[in-house]
């Protein structure tokens, strides 16, 4: 695998990420994998980094790391 793609992973079945996207984008229900892909398309090639920030947003950034 080419190392430049390591930062472009979007775990569309991850419940934490689905909840964070629902909250961040003010969605009425949990997003489907296809909706998540559409939302995250502009984040390429850094979808892994965006995923980390969304996960952290669920804990209100009490600590970083």
Protein backbone atom coordinates (compact mmCIF):
# COMPACT_ATOMS: atom_id res chain seq x y z
CA UNK A 1 0.00 0.00 0.00
CA UNK A 2 1.22 3.44 -0.86
CA UNK A 3 1.81 5.39 2.39
CA UNK A 4 0.12 8.53 1.06
CA UNK A 5 -3.27 6.81 1.48
CA UNK A 6 -2.87 6.04 5.20
CA UNK A 7 -4.62 9.31 6.06
CA UNK A 8 -7.58 8.60 3.80
CA UNK A 9 -9.54 5.99 5.75
CA UNK A 10 -13.23 6.53 6.51
CA UNK A 11 -14.75 3.84 8.77
CA UNK A 12 -18.37 4.20 7.62
CA UNK A 13 -19.65 1.44 9.93
CA UNK A 14 -18.17 2.99 13.08
CA UNK A 15 -21.00 3.98 15.44
CA UNK A 16 -18.96 6.72 17.11
CA UNK A 17 -18.23 8.37 13.78
CA UNK A 18 -21.87 8.04 12.72
CA UNK A 19 -23.00 9.71 15.96
CA UNK A 20 -20.43 12.49 15.59
CA UNK A 21 -21.51 13.18 12.01
CA UNK A 22 -25.16 13.20 13.06
CA UNK A 23 -24.41 15.75 15.76
CA UNK A 24 -22.02 17.90 13.71
CA UNK A 25 -24.20 18.06 10.62
CA UNK A 26 -27.49 18.29 12.55
CA UNK A 27 -28.92 15.21 10.87
CA UNK A 28 -32.29 13.81 11.98
CA UNK A 29 -30.96 10.25 12.11
CA UNK A 30 -27.67 8.40 11.85
CA UNK A 31 -26.14 8.82 8.42
CA UNK A 32 -25.93 5.88 6.05
CA UNK A 33 -22.53 4.84 4.73
CA UNK A 34 -23.30 6.50 1.39
CA UNK A 35 -24.29 9.75 3.11
CA UNK A 36 -21.08 9.64 5.13
CA UNK A 37 -19.03 9.17 1.98
CA UNK A 38 -20.77 12.14 0.36
CA UNK A 39 -20.19 14.34 3.43
CA UNK A 40 -16.54 13.29 3.75
CA UNK A 41 -15.59 13.55 0.09
CA UNK A 42 -14.18 17.11 0.46
CA UNK A 43 -11.93 15.90 3.29
CA UNK A 44 -9.86 13.73 0.95
CA UNK A 45 -7.06 12.77 1.37
CA UNK A 46 -7.28 13.43 5.13
CA UNK A 47 -10.46 11.58 6.10
CA UNK A 48 -8.61 9.69 8.87
CA UNK A 49 -7.63 12.99 10.49
CA UNK A 50 -11.19 14.33 10.18
CA UNK A 51 -12.49 11.07 11.69
CA UNK A 52 -10.20 11.51 14.69
CA UNK A 53 -11.48 15.05 15.28
CA UNK A 54 -15.08 13.89 15.01
CA UNK A 55 -14.43 11.09 17.52
CA UNK A 56 -12.83 13.60 19.88
CA UNK A 57 -15.81 15.94 19.47
CA UNK A 58 -17.96 13.38 21.25
CA UNK A 59 -15.91 13.89 24.41
CA UNK A 60 -15.80 17.69 23.98
CA UNK A 61 -11.99 17.68 23.70
CA UNK A 62 -11.43 17.24 27.44
CA UNK A 63 -7.99 15.95 26.62
CA UNK A 64 -6.12 15.70 23.36
CA UNK A 65 -4.66 12.36 22.36
